[in-house]
C-alpha atoms as a PDB file:
ATOM      1  CA  UNK A   1      78.153  44.903 110.388  1.00  0.00           C
ATOM      2  CA  UNK A   2      74.523  43.765 109.954  1.00  0.00           C
ATOM      3  CA  UNK A   3      73.457  41.288 107.284  1.00  0.00           C
ATOM      4  CA  UNK A   4      72.056  43.915 104.929  1.00  0.00           C
ATOM      5  CA  UNK A   5      75.196  46.067 105.054  1.00  0.00           C
ATOM      6  CA  UNK A   6      77.345  42.952 104.771  1.00  0.00           C
ATOM      7  CA  UNK A   7      75.487  41.892 101.625  1.00  0.00           C
ATOM      8  CA  UNK A   8      75.886  45.369 100.143  1.00  0.00           C
ATOM      9  CA  UNK A   9      79.615  45.308 100.851  1.00  0.00           C
ATOM     10  CA  UNK A  10      80.044  41.905  99.165  1.00  0.00           C
ATOM     11  CA  UNK A  11      78.024  43.096  96.165  1.00  0.00           C
ATOM     12  CA  UNK A  12      80.236  46.201  95.836  1.00  0.00           C
ATOM     13  CA  UNK A  13      83.399  44.088  96.054  1.00  0.00           C
ATOM     14  CA  UNK A  14      82.193  41.700  93.361  1.00  0.00           C
ATOM     15  CA  UNK A  15      81.549  44.592  90.953  1.00  0.00           C
ATOM     16  CA  UNK A  16      85.113  45.922  91.192  1.00  0.00           C
ATOM     17  CA  UNK A  17      87.430  44.413  88.597  1.00  0.00           C
ATOM     18  CA  UNK A  18      90.750  43.077  89.917  1.00  0.00           C
ATOM     19  CA  UNK A  19      93.934  44.773  88.761  1.00  0.00           C
ATOM     20  CA  UNK A  20      97.657  44.121  88.981  1.00  0.00           C
ATOM     21  CA  UNK A  21      99.285  46.360  91.600  1.00  0.00           C
ATOM     22  CA  UNK A  22     102.897  45.367  91.051  1.00  0.00           C
ATOM     23  CA  UNK A  23     105.185  42.518  90.100  1.00  0.00           C
ATOM     24  CA  UNK A  24     107.859  41.904  92.739  1.00  0.00           C
ATOM     25  CA  UNK A  25     111.217  40.367  91.889  1.00  0.00           C
ATOM     26  CA  UNK A  26     112.203  37.456  94.140  1.00  0.00           C
ATOM     27  CA  UNK A  27     115.235  35.190  94.363  1.00  0.00           C
ATOM     28  CA  UNK A  28     113.937  32.137  92.507  1.00  0.00           C
ATOM     29  CA  UNK A  29     110.964  30.252  91.086  1.00  0.00           C
ATOM     30  CA  UNK A  30     108.076  30.406  93.564  1.00  0.00           C
ATOM     31  CA  UNK A  31     106.696  27.133  94.904  1.00  0.00           C
ATOM     32  CA  UNK A  32     104.097  26.960  97.658  1.00  0.00           C
ATOM     33  CA  UNK A  33     102.841  30.358  98.805  1.00  0.00           C
ATOM     34  CA  UNK A  34     100.810  31.243 101.920  1.00  0.00           C
ATOM     35  CA  UNK A  35      99.668  34.402 103.711  1.00  0.00           C
ATOM     36  CA  UNK A  36      99.196  35.569 107.282  1.00  0.00           C
ATOM     37  CA  UNK A  37      96.229  37.928 106.991  1.00  0.00           C
ATOM     38  CA  UNK A  38      96.720  39.155 110.571  1.00  0.00           C
ATOM     39  CA  UNK A  39     100.300  40.386 110.098  1.00  0.00           C
ATOM     40  CA  UNK A  40      99.952  41.079 106.347  1.00  0.00           C
ATOM     41  CA  UNK A  41     102.927  38.893 105.459  1.00  0.00           C
ATOM     42  CA  UNK A  42     103.354  36.538 102.519  1.00  0.00           C
ATOM     43  CA  UNK A  43     105.554  33.424 102.738  1.00  0.00           C
ATOM     44  CA  UNK A  44     106.808  31.534  99.714  1.00  0.00           C
ATOM     45  CA  UNK A  45     109.134  28.637  98.937  1.00  0.00           C
ATOM     46  CA  UNK A  46     111.959  29.124  96.457  1.00  0.00           C
ATOM     47  CA  UNK A  47     115.392  27.721  95.592  1.00  0.00           C
ATOM     48  CA  UNK A  48     114.586  24.331  97.229  1.00  0.00           C
ATOM     49  CA  UNK A  49     115.680  25.422 100.711  1.00  0.00           C
ATOM     50  CA  UNK A  50     114.532  29.012 101.167  1.00  0.00           C
ATOM     51  CA  UNK A  51     111.364  30.640 102.477  1.00  0.00           C
ATOM     52  CA  UNK A  52     110.912  34.226 101.352  1.00  0.00           C
ATOM     53  CA  UNK A  53     109.048  36.785 103.457  1.00  0.00           C
ATOM     54  CA  UNK A  54     107.128  39.534 101.663  1.00  0.00           C
ATOM     55  CA  UNK A  55     105.631  42.563 103.408  1.00  0.00           C
ATOM     56  CA  UNK A  56     102.070  42.864 102.119  1.00  0.00           C
ATOM     57  CA  UNK A  57     101.916  46.601 102.811  1.00  0.00           C
ATOM     58  CA  UNK A  58     105.143  47.698 101.127  1.00  0.00           C
ATOM     59  CA  UNK A  59     105.345  44.732  98.690  1.00  0.00           C
ATOM     60  CA  UNK A  60     109.026  44.428  99.572  1.00  0.00           C
ATOM     61  CA  UNK A  61     110.878  41.187 100.318  1.00  0.00           C
ATOM     62  CA  UNK A  62     111.952  41.441 103.956  1.00  0.00           C
ATOM     63  CA  UNK A  63     114.098  38.360 104.156  1.00  0.00           C
ATOM     64  CA  UNK A  64     114.961  34.965 102.713  1.00  0.00           C
ATOM     65  CA  UNK A  65     115.062  32.354 105.464  1.00  0.00           C
ATOM     66  CA  UNK A  66     117.313  29.301 105.025  1.00  0.00           C
ATOM     67  CA  UNK A  67     115.434  26.180 106.068  1.00  0.00           C
ATOM     68  CA  UNK A  68     115.981  22.489 105.295  1.00  0.00           C
ATOM     69  CA  UNK A  69     116.724  20.646 102.076  1.00  0.00           C
ATOM     70  CA  UNK A  70     113.908  20.026  99.611  1.00  0.00           C
ATOM     71  CA  UNK A  71     111.376  22.427 101.105  1.00  0.00           C
ATOM     72  CA  UNK A  72     107.953  21.604  99.718  1.00  0.00           C
ATOM     73  CA  UNK A  73     104.883  22.900 101.563  1.00  0.00           C
ATOM     74  CA  UNK A  74     104.118  25.705 104.014  1.00  0.00           C
ATOM     75  CA  UNK A  75     101.473  26.214 106.684  1.00  0.00           C
ATOM     76  CA  UNK A  76     100.829  29.369 108.713  1.00  0.00           C
ATOM     77  CA  UNK A  77      99.323  29.638 112.184  1.00  0.00           C
ATOM     78  CA  UNK A  78      98.024  33.197 112.314  1.00  0.00           C
ATOM     79  CA  UNK A  79      97.231  32.884 116.034  1.00  0.00           C
ATOM     80  CA  UNK A  80     100.796  32.108 117.092  1.00  0.00           C
ATOM     81  CA  UNK A  81     102.532  33.850 114.162  1.00  0.00           C
ATOM     82  CA  UNK A  82     104.496  30.705 113.362  1.00  0.00           C
ATOM     83  CA  UNK A  83     105.242  29.307 109.923  1.00  0.00           C
ATOM     84  CA  UNK A  84     105.960  25.640 109.230  1.00  0.00           C
ATOM     85  CA  UNK A  85     107.834  24.198 106.247  1.00  0.00           C
ATOM     86  CA  UNK A  86     108.245  20.538 105.299  1.00  0.00           C
ATOM     87  CA  UNK A  87     111.772  19.593 104.207  1.00  0.00           C
ATOM     88  CA  UNK A  88     111.455  16.508 102.013  1.00  0.00           C
ATOM     89  CA  UNK A  89     115.119  15.530 101.948  1.00  0.00           C
ATOM     90  CA  UNK A  90     115.921  16.303 105.596  1.00  0.00           C
ATOM     91  CA  UNK A  91     112.899  14.553 107.159  1.00  0.00           C
ATOM     92  CA  UNK A  92     112.254  17.695 109.208  1.00  0.00           C
ATOM     93  CA  UNK A  93     109.760  20.497 109.626  1.00  0.00           C
ATOM     94  CA  UNK A  94     111.261  23.974 110.052  1.00  0.00           C
ATOM     95  CA  UNK A  95     109.509  26.254 112.551  1.00  0.00           C
ATOM     96  CA  UNK A  96     109.832  29.934 111.634  1.00  0.00           C
ATOM     97  CA  UNK A  97     109.000  32.875 113.879  1.00  0.00           C
ATOM     98  CA  UNK A  98     106.856  35.417 112.057  1.00  0.00           C
ATOM     99  CA  UNK A  99     108.125  38.078 114.452  1.00  0.00           C
ATOM    100  CA  UNK A 100     111.853  37.644 113.853  1.00  0.00           C
ATOM    101  CA  UNK A 101     111.743  35.922 110.436  1.00  0.00           C
ATOM    102  CA  UNK A 102     114.173  33.306 111.682  1.00  0.00           C
ATOM    103  CA  UNK A 103     114.136  29.540 112.221  1.00  0.00           C
ATOM    104  CA  UNK A 104     113.354  28.618 115.808  1.00  0.00           C
ATOM    105  CA  UNK A 105     113.968  24.894 115.411  1.00  0.00           C
ATOM    106  CA  UNK A 106     113.756  21.936 113.066  1.00  0.00           C
ATOM    107  CA  UNK A 107     111.460  19.141 114.242  1.00  0.00           C
ATOM    108  CA  UNK A 108     112.420  15.667 113.088  1.00  0.00           C
ATOM    109  CA  UNK A 109     109.447  13.810 111.619  1.00  0.00           C
ATOM    110  CA  UNK A 110     109.108  10.750 109.348  1.00  0.00           C
ATOM    111  CA  UNK A 111     110.987  10.191 106.114  1.00  0.00           C
ATOM    112  CA  UNK A 112     109.905  12.233 103.079  1.00  0.00           C
ATOM    113  CA  UNK A 113     107.551  14.740 104.770  1.00  0.00           C
ATOM    114  CA  UNK A 114     105.219  16.270 102.219  1.00  0.00           C
ATOM    115  CA  UNK A 115     101.910  17.975 103.008  1.00  0.00           C
ATOM    116  CA  UNK A 116     100.946  19.512 106.344  1.00  0.00           C
ATOM    117  CA  UNK A 117      98.059  21.276 108.040  1.00  0.00           C
ATOM    118  CA  UNK A 118      97.340  23.152 111.272  1.00  0.00           C
ATOM    119  CA  UNK A 119      94.438  23.075 113.687  1.00  0.00           C
ATOM    120  CA  UNK A 120      94.801  26.563 115.097  1.00  0.00           C
ATOM    121  CA  UNK A 121      92.465  26.019 118.041  1.00  0.00           C
ATOM    122  CA  UNK A 122      94.598  23.256 119.538  1.00  0.00           C
ATOM    123  CA  UNK A 123      97.886  24.531 118.069  1.00  0.00           C
ATOM    124  CA  UNK A 124      98.706  21.153 116.575  1.00  0.00           C
ATOM    125  CA  UNK A 125     100.472  20.557 113.278  1.00  0.00           C
ATOM    126  CA  UNK A 126      99.833  17.429 111.225  1.00  0.00           C
ATOM    127  CA  UNK A 127     102.539  16.262 108.819  1.00  0.00           C
ATOM    128  CA  UNK A 128     102.050  13.576 106.169  1.00  0.00           C
ATOM    129  CA  UNK A 129     105.202  11.540 105.587  1.00  0.00           C
ATOM    130  CA  UNK A 130     105.299   9.573 102.334  1.00  0.00           C
ATOM    131  CA  UNK A 131     107.163   6.831 104.223  1.00  0.00           C
ATOM    132  CA  UNK A 132     103.897   5.696 105.843  1.00  0.00           C
ATOM    133  CA  UNK A 133     103.411   7.817 108.959  1.00  0.00           C
ATOM    134  CA  UNK A 134     101.639  10.981 110.105  1.00  0.00           C
ATOM    135  CA  UNK A 135     103.476  13.134 112.648  1.00  0.00           C
ATOM    136  CA  UNK A 136     101.606  15.338 115.106  1.00  0.00           C
ATOM    137  CA  UNK A 137     103.583  18.322 116.444  1.00  0.00           C
ATOM    138  CA  UNK A 138     102.660  20.323 119.541  1.00  0.00           C
ATOM    139  CA  UNK A 139     102.948  23.952 118.434  1.00  0.00           C
ATOM    140  CA  UNK A 140     103.631  25.131 121.989  1.00  0.00           C
ATOM    141  CA  UNK A 141     106.634  22.899 122.633  1.00  0.00           C
ATOM    142  CA  UNK A 142     107.699  21.972 119.062  1.00  0.00           C
ATOM    143  CA  UNK A 143     107.769  18.337 120.153  1.00  0.00           C
ATOM    144  CA  UNK A 144     106.212  15.285 118.521  1.00  0.00           C
ATOM    145  CA  UNK A 145     103.012  14.405 120.362  1.00  0.00           C
ATOM    146  CA  UNK A 146     102.295  11.270 118.401  1.00  0.00           C
ATOM    147  CA  UNK A 147     103.304   9.299 115.325  1.00  0.00           C
ATOM    148  CA  UNK A 148     100.461   7.535 113.542  1.00  0.00           C
ATOM    149  CA  UNK A 149     101.601   4.540 111.510  1.00  0.00           C
ATOM    150  CA  UNK A 150      99.099   4.170 108.697  1.00  0.00           C
ATOM    151  CA  UNK A 151     101.243   2.568 105.984  1.00  0.00           C
ATOM    152  CA  UNK A 152     101.222   3.394 102.305  1.00  0.00           C
ATOM    153  CA  UNK A 153     102.110   6.948 101.327  1.00  0.00           C
ATOM    154  CA  UNK A 154     100.271   9.673 103.271  1.00  0.00           C
ATOM    155  CA  UNK A 155     100.564  12.781 101.121  1.00  0.00           C
ATOM    156  CA  UNK A 156      98.362  15.818 101.712  1.00  0.00           C
ATOM    157  CA  UNK A 157      96.489  17.245 104.681  1.00  0.00           C
ATOM    158  CA  UNK A 158      93.335  19.308 105.202  1.00  0.00           C
ATOM    159  CA  UNK A 159      91.937  20.387 108.575  1.00  0.00           C
ATOM    160  CA  UNK A 160      88.379  21.200 109.567  1.00  0.00           C
ATOM    161  CA  UNK A 161      88.854  23.855 112.229  1.00  0.00           C
ATOM    162  CA  UNK A 162      85.226  23.591 113.382  1.00  0.00           C
ATOM    163  CA  UNK A 163      85.060  19.836 113.948  1.00  0.00           C
ATOM    164  CA  UNK A 164      88.744  19.238 114.776  1.00  0.00           C
ATOM    165  CA  UNK A 165      88.931  16.479 112.207  1.00  0.00           C
ATOM    166  CA  UNK A 166      92.001  16.048 110.035  1.00  0.00           C
ATOM    167  CA  UNK A 167      91.889  14.468 106.588  1.00  0.00           C
ATOM    168  CA  UNK A 168      95.033  12.927 105.084  1.00  0.00           C
ATOM    169  CA  UNK A 169      95.129  11.465 101.584  1.00  0.00           C
ATOM    170  CA  UNK A 170      97.098   8.259 100.981  1.00  0.00           C
ATOM    171  CA  UNK A 171      98.265   7.856  97.394  1.00  0.00           C
ATOM    172  CA  UNK A 172      99.378   4.229  97.768  1.00  0.00           C
ATOM    173  CA  UNK A 173      96.092   2.961  99.185  1.00  0.00           C
ATOM    174  CA  UNK A 174      93.771   5.426  97.359  1.00  0.00           C
ATOM    175  CA  UNK A 175      92.155   6.446 100.604  1.00  0.00           C
ATOM    176  CA  UNK A 176      91.667   9.242 103.136  1.00  0.00           C
ATOM    177  CA  UNK A 177      92.560   8.817 106.810  1.00  0.00           C
ATOM    178  CA  UNK A 178      90.263  10.665 109.226  1.00  0.00           C
ATOM    179  CA  UNK A 179      91.969  11.720 112.471  1.00  0.00           C
ATOM    180  CA  UNK A 180      90.197  12.854 115.636  1.00  0.00           C
ATOM    181  CA  UNK A 181      92.183  15.917 116.703  1.00  0.00           C
ATOM    182  CA  UNK A 182      91.195  15.467 120.344  1.00  0.00           C
ATOM    183  CA  UNK A 183      92.243  11.832 120.789  1.00  0.00           C
ATOM    184  CA  UNK A 184      94.861  11.770 118.004  1.00  0.00           C
ATOM    185  CA  UNK A 185      93.445   8.496 116.737  1.00  0.00           C
ATOM    186  CA  UNK A 186      92.599   7.471 113.184  1.00  0.00           C
ATOM    187  CA  UNK A 187      88.839   7.033 113.497  1.00  0.00           C
ATOM    188  CA  UNK A 188      88.329   5.639 110.010  1.00  0.00           C
ATOM    189  CA  UNK A 189      89.912   5.250 106.579  1.00  0.00           C
ATOM    190  CA  UNK A 190      87.723   5.921 103.548  1.00  0.00           C
ATOM    191  CA  UNK A 191      88.363   4.656 100.026  1.00  0.00           C
ATOM    192  CA  UNK A 192      88.377   7.267  97.281  1.00  0.00           C
ATOM    193  CA  UNK A 193      89.580   7.302  93.654  1.00  0.00           C
ATOM    194  CA  UNK A 194      93.019   6.589  92.262  1.00  0.00           C
ATOM    195  CA  UNK A 195      95.987   8.755  93.239  1.00  0.00           C
ATOM    196  CA  UNK A 196      94.465  11.493  95.450  1.00  0.00           C
ATOM    197  CA  UNK A 197      97.688  13.539  95.256  1.00  0.00           C
ATOM    198  CA  UNK A 198      95.743  16.790  95.633  1.00  0.00           C
ATOM    199  CA  UNK A 199      94.924  18.674  98.830  1.00  0.00           C
ATOM    200  CA  UNK A 200      91.259  18.027  99.738  1.00  0.00           C
ATOM    201  CA  UNK A 201      88.838  20.950  99.912  1.00  0.00           C
ATOM    202  CA  UNK A 202      86.694  21.267 103.048  1.00  0.00           C
ATOM    203  CA  UNK A 203      83.442  23.174 103.341  1.00  0.00           C
ATOM    204  CA  UNK A 204      83.202  23.684 107.102  1.00  0.00           C
ATOM    205  CA  UNK A 205      79.686  25.139 106.701  1.00  0.00           C
ATOM    206  CA  UNK A 206      78.221  21.965 105.172  1.00  0.00           C
ATOM    207  CA  UNK A 207      80.835  19.669 106.769  1.00  0.00           C
ATOM    208  CA  UNK A 208      81.669  18.026 103.468  1.00  0.00           C
ATOM    209  CA  UNK A 209      85.099  17.067 102.222  1.00  0.00           C
ATOM    210  CA  UNK A 210      85.898  17.025  98.513  1.00  0.00           C
ATOM    211  CA  UNK A 211      88.728  14.837  97.201  1.00  0.00           C
ATOM    212  CA  UNK A 212      90.164  15.121  93.704  1.00  0.00           C
ATOM    213  CA  UNK A 213      91.535  11.901  92.219  1.00  0.00           C
ATOM    214  CA  UNK A 214      94.324  12.442  89.735  1.00  0.00           C
ATOM    215  CA  UNK A 215      93.984   9.091  87.956  1.00  0.00           C
ATOM    216  CA  UNK A 216      90.201   8.616  88.140  1.00  0.00           C
ATOM    217  CA  UNK A 217      87.353  10.049  86.107  1.00  0.00           C
ATOM    218  CA  UNK A 218      85.443  11.021  89.234  1.00  0.00           C
ATOM    219  CA  UNK A 219      85.940  13.124  92.348  1.00  0.00           C
ATOM    220  CA  UNK A 220      84.935  11.889  95.805  1.00  0.00           C
ATOM    221  CA  UNK A 221      82.712  13.509  98.441  1.00  0.00           C
ATOM    222  CA  UNK A 222      82.926  12.584 102.127  1.00  0.00           C
ATOM    223  CA  UNK A 223      80.169  13.542 104.562  1.00  0.00           C
ATOM    224  CA  UNK A 224      81.916  14.791 107.687  1.00  0.00           C
ATOM    225  CA  UNK A 225      79.015  13.977 110.005  1.00  0.00           C
ATOM    226  CA  UNK A 226      78.938  10.231 109.294  1.00  0.00           C
ATOM    227  CA  UNK A 227      82.289   9.518 107.551  1.00  0.00           C
ATOM    228  CA  UNK A 228      80.598   6.766 105.605  1.00  0.00           C
ATOM    229  CA  UNK A 229      81.440   5.542 102.143  1.00  0.00           C
ATOM    230  CA  UNK A 230      82.589   8.299  99.799  1.00  0.00           C
ATOM    231  CA  UNK A 231      80.226   9.427  97.045  1.00  0.00           C
ATOM    232  CA  UNK A 232      81.647   9.694  93.496  1.00  0.00           C
ATOM    233  CA  UNK A 233      80.984  12.713  91.277  1.00  0.00           C
ATOM    234  CA  UNK A 234      81.402  11.710  87.657  1.00  0.00           C
ATOM    235  CA  UNK A 235      83.481  14.246  85.739  1.00  0.00           C
ATOM    236  CA  UNK A 236      84.657  12.188  82.801  1.00  0.00           C
ATOM    237  CA  UNK A 237      88.274  13.234  83.187  1.00  0.00           C
ATOM    238  CA  UNK A 238      91.188  13.232  85.598  1.00  0.00           C
ATOM    239  CA  UNK A 239      91.597  16.009  88.123  1.00  0.00           C
ATOM    240  CA  UNK A 240      94.554  18.266  88.918  1.00  0.00           C
ATOM    241  CA  UNK A 241      93.284  20.703  91.596  1.00  0.00           C
ATOM    242  CA  UNK A 242      90.194  21.350  93.723  1.00  0.00           C
ATOM    243  CA  UNK A 243      88.932  24.326  95.726  1.00  0.00           C
ATOM    244  CA  UNK A 244      85.592  25.771  96.813  1.00  0.00           C
ATOM    245  CA  UNK A 245      83.598  28.815  97.871  1.00  0.00           C
ATOM    246  CA  UNK A 246      81.885  28.056 101.205  1.00  0.00           C
ATOM    247  CA  UNK A 247      79.602  31.101 100.891  1.00  0.00           C
ATOM    248  CA  UNK A 248      78.104  30.089  97.539  1.00  0.00           C
ATOM    249  CA  UNK A 249      78.596  26.329  98.089  1.00  0.00           C
ATOM    250  CA  UNK A 250      80.314  25.922  94.731  1.00  0.00           C
ATOM    251  CA  UNK A 251      83.227  23.543  94.124  1.00  0.00           C
ATOM    252  CA  UNK A 252      85.812  24.093  91.394  1.00  0.00           C
ATOM    253  CA  UNK A 253      87.781  21.179  89.911  1.00  0.00           C
ATOM    254  CA  UNK A 254      90.482  21.615  87.278  1.00  0.00           C
ATOM    255  CA  UNK A 255      91.461  18.859  84.890  1.00  0.00           C
ATOM    256  CA  UNK A 256      94.574  18.553  82.746  1.00  0.00           C
ATOM    257  CA  UNK A 257      93.452  16.669  79.671  1.00  0.00           C
ATOM    258  CA  UNK A 258      95.666  14.132  77.928  1.00  0.00           C
ATOM    259  CA  UNK A 259      94.595  15.572  74.595  1.00  0.00           C
ATOM    260  CA  UNK A 260      93.582  19.148  73.942  1.00  0.00           C
ATOM    261  CA  UNK A 261      93.135  21.863  76.548  1.00  0.00           C
ATOM    262  CA  UNK A 262      92.159  21.659  80.186  1.00  0.00           C
ATOM    263  CA  UNK A 263      88.728  21.900  81.764  1.00  0.00           C
ATOM    264  CA  UNK A 264      87.265  23.537  84.830  1.00  0.00           C
ATOM    265  CA  UNK A 265      84.184  21.936  86.347  1.00  0.00           C
ATOM    266  CA  UNK A 266      81.907  24.090  88.505  1.00  0.00           C
ATOM    267  CA  UNK A 267      79.910  21.882  90.888  1.00  0.00           C
ATOM    268  CA  UNK A 268      76.841  22.649  92.965  1.00  0.00           C
ATOM    269  CA  UNK A 269      77.666  21.572  96.522  1.00  0.00           C
ATOM    270  CA  UNK A 270      74.049  20.844  97.348  1.00  0.00           C
ATOM    271  CA  UNK A 271      73.301  18.567  94.405  1.00  0.00           C
ATOM    272  CA  UNK A 272      76.849  17.408  93.514  1.00  0.00           C
ATOM    273  CA  UNK A 273      75.992  18.168  89.897  1.00  0.00           C
ATOM    274  CA  UNK A 274      78.092  19.950  87.274  1.00  0.00           C
ATOM    275  CA  UNK A 275      76.691  23.443  86.676  1.00  0.00           C
ATOM    276  CA  UNK A 276      79.252  24.607  84.153  1.00  0.00           C
ATOM    277  CA  UNK A 277      82.285  23.307  82.279  1.00  0.00           C
ATOM    278  CA  UNK A 278      84.832  25.911  81.185  1.00  0.00           C
ATOM    279  CA  UNK A 279      87.781  25.578  78.825  1.00  0.00           C
ATOM    280  CA  UNK A 280      91.051  26.574  80.502  1.00  0.00           C
ATOM    281  CA  UNK A 281      94.762  26.081  79.719  1.00  0.00           C
ATOM    282  CA  UNK A 282      95.977  22.501  80.065  1.00  0.00           C
ATOM    283  CA  UNK A 283      98.230  23.348  83.014  1.00  0.00           C
ATOM    284  CA  UNK A 284      96.464  25.744  85.331  1.00  0.00           C
ATOM    285  CA  UNK A 285      96.281  26.897  88.922  1.00  0.00           C
ATOM    286  CA  UNK A 286      93.118  28.113  90.637  1.00  0.00           C
ATOM    287  CA  UNK A 287      92.116  30.294  93.586  1.00  0.00           C
ATOM    288  CA  UNK A 288      88.699  31.422  94.870  1.00  0.00           C
ATOM    289  CA  UNK A 289      87.986  34.653  96.717  1.00  0.00           C
ATOM    290  CA  UNK A 290      84.687  33.978  98.527  1.00  0.00           C
ATOM    291  CA  UNK A 291      84.293  37.621  99.558  1.00  0.00           C
ATOM    292  CA  UNK A 292      84.205  38.931  95.986  1.00  0.00           C
ATOM    293  CA  UNK A 293      82.857  35.685  94.503  1.00  0.00           C
ATOM    294  CA  UNK A 294      85.629  35.769  91.931  1.00  0.00           C
ATOM    295  CA  UNK A 295      87.770  32.843  90.901  1.00  0.00           C
ATOM    296  CA  UNK A 296      91.196  33.099  89.332  1.00  0.00           C
ATOM    297  CA  UNK A 297      92.737  30.679  86.839  1.00  0.00           C
ATOM    298  CA  UNK A 298      96.453  31.034  86.202  1.00  0.00           C
ATOM    299  CA  UNK A 299      98.163  29.756  83.062  1.00  0.00           C
ATOM    300  CA  UNK A 300     101.110  27.812  84.467  1.00  0.00           C
ATOM    301  CA  UNK A 301     102.973  27.881  81.152  1.00  0.00           C
ATOM    302  CA  UNK A 302     102.143  31.481  80.283  1.00  0.00           C
ATOM    303  CA  UNK A 303     101.546  34.920  81.768  1.00  0.00           C
ATOM    304  CA  UNK A 304      97.753  35.116  81.759  1.00  0.00           C
ATOM    305  CA  UNK A 305      95.575  35.212  84.850  1.00  0.00           C
ATOM    306  CA  UNK A 306      91.917  34.765  83.971  1.00  0.00           C
ATOM    307  CA  UNK A 307      89.324  36.210  86.359  1.00  0.00           C
ATOM    308  CA  UNK A 308      85.775  34.822  86.415  1.00  0.00           C
ATOM    309  CA  UNK A 309      82.544  35.776  88.106  1.00  0.00           C
ATOM    310  CA  UNK A 310      81.369  33.075  90.502  1.00  0.00           C
ATOM    311  CA  UNK A 311      77.796  34.268  89.993  1.00  0.00           C
ATOM    312  CA  UNK A 312      77.665  33.908  86.204  1.00  0.00           C
ATOM    313  CA  UNK A 313      80.719  31.680  85.554  1.00  0.00           C
ATOM    314  CA  UNK A 314      81.805  34.100  82.842  1.00  0.00           C
ATOM    315  CA  UNK A 315      85.221  35.667  82.329  1.00  0.00           C
ATOM    316  CA  UNK A 316      85.469  39.201  83.668  1.00  0.00           C
ATOM    317  CA  UNK A 317      88.999  40.119  82.641  1.00  0.00           C
ATOM    318  CA  UNK A 318      92.443  38.776  81.785  1.00  0.00           C
ATOM    319  CA  UNK A 319      95.459  40.050  83.707  1.00  0.00           C
ATOM    320  CA  UNK A 320      99.125  39.887  82.749  1.00  0.00           C
ATOM    321  CA  UNK A 321     101.437  38.354  85.378  1.00  0.00           C
ATOM    322  CA  UNK A 322     105.080  37.441  85.586  1.00  0.00           C
ATOM    323  CA  UNK A 323     106.289  34.386  83.688  1.00  0.00           C
ATOM    324  CA  UNK A 324     104.273  31.274  84.597  1.00  0.00           C
ATOM    325  CA  UNK A 325     101.176  32.089  86.676  1.00  0.00           C
ATOM    326  CA  UNK A 326     101.507  29.366  89.306  1.00  0.00           C
ATOM    327  CA  UNK A 327     100.500  28.871  92.945  1.00  0.00           C
ATOM    328  CA  UNK A 328      98.299  31.578  94.467  1.00  0.00           C
ATOM    329  CA  UNK A 329      97.363  32.809  97.938  1.00  0.00           C
ATOM    330  CA  UNK A 330      94.758  35.273  99.252  1.00  0.00           C
ATOM    331  CA  UNK A 331      94.987  37.807 102.050  1.00  0.00           C
ATOM    332  CA  UNK A 332      91.395  37.828 103.295  1.00  0.00           C
ATOM    333  CA  UNK A 333      91.751  41.214 105.030  1.00  0.00           C
ATOM    334  CA  UNK A 334      93.222  43.199 102.154  1.00  0.00           C
ATOM    335  CA  UNK A 335      91.607  41.225  99.300  1.00  0.00           C
ATOM    336  CA  UNK A 336      94.976  40.903  97.635  1.00  0.00           C
ATOM    337  CA  UNK A 337      95.916  37.851  95.608  1.00  0.00           C
ATOM    338  CA  UNK A 338      99.563  36.805  95.352  1.00  0.00           C
ATOM    339  CA  UNK A 339     100.559  34.827  92.267  1.00  0.00           C
ATOM    340  CA  UNK A 340     103.834  32.921  92.276  1.00  0.00           C
ATOM    341  CA  UNK A 341     105.880  33.151  89.077  1.00  0.00           C
ATOM    342  CA  UNK A 342     109.343  32.252  87.784  1.00  0.00           C
ATOM    343  CA  UNK A 343     111.407  34.735  89.784  1.00  0.00           C
ATOM    344  CA  UNK A 344     108.561  37.127  90.610  1.00  0.00           C
ATOM    345  CA  UNK A 345     105.335  37.448  92.590  1.00  0.00           C
ATOM    346  CA  UNK A 346     102.428  39.250  90.962  1.00  0.00           C
ATOM    347  CA  UNK A 347     100.258  41.233  93.389  1.00  0.00           C
ATOM    348  CA  UNK A 348      96.595  41.602  92.387  1.00  0.00           C
ATOM    349  CA  UNK A 349      94.048  43.824  94.143  1.00  0.00           C
ATOM    350  CA  UNK A 350      90.677  42.098  94.072  1.00  0.00           C
ATOM    351  CA  UNK A 351      87.925  44.504  95.096  1.00  0.00           C
ATOM    352  CA  UNK A 352      88.478  47.464  97.392  1.00  0.00           C
END
């Protein structure tokens, strides 16, 4: 598709209002949720030790896979059709085959594994263990390639697929460890704000990394080319979640206020300035669809899913979901958004 036709397609998508397709009953409250856009499958954590598998075409639950104890986060490698789940209590990572929907093995990592990320090009999985280590798993052999002992409490992981750099937040030292995916060495550790217990957002186009700090009144920006001192963005309130649209270079930061409702800050990625501040529910989740330039804000204590235009920062519509509009995931091929609820998943068609 040429640039002109591509632009016309994106414009047409952005003009189509999202709508709820169905609400699917599942076997428990939905935690982390991820998609494989290649196979059109949706994977979600529920019941503390189960990973559900939803068929994106039929919107039917295919299977509930028993994994380890205290399952927390998921990561999907669409190239190998493998799914990885951290098991907090078991100190393991479950490896699930997307073909058979069964556990292939459980890889023992450090104590209290939490966040994880995948570099698909090298087929390596990075696991942050709150006990002070980062485990690197070879996706071909399911063996530990290396254990990086960084101390503190490594928590959440983001991967820049283009540069093969891995960014791991450390909530005890208020810092971000930068790992070279080729050498498996920590090349630097960068100080950020207090309690970065939020997955960083990476714009691989601009090579900038955005870190939300839960107990600071500023977010932090890291320049991926130099990895120098982080740059603070003053927000005036604590942050709860961060995401971005790499096509428009806009960053979205939610904040749960101590008094009153929550706020959503829309930042310009070029200037690092606040373009818009929106009022949102105190406890909210957020997802951006860069292809439609829509962003979704879920009310975690209610049933409303608010849809905004990324061009005007105005609300387009309000959708009704299952109870508690929580974690969300996007299938980039079908433009469907999956919203985790208490015992259901709400399926939203965004665009055509």
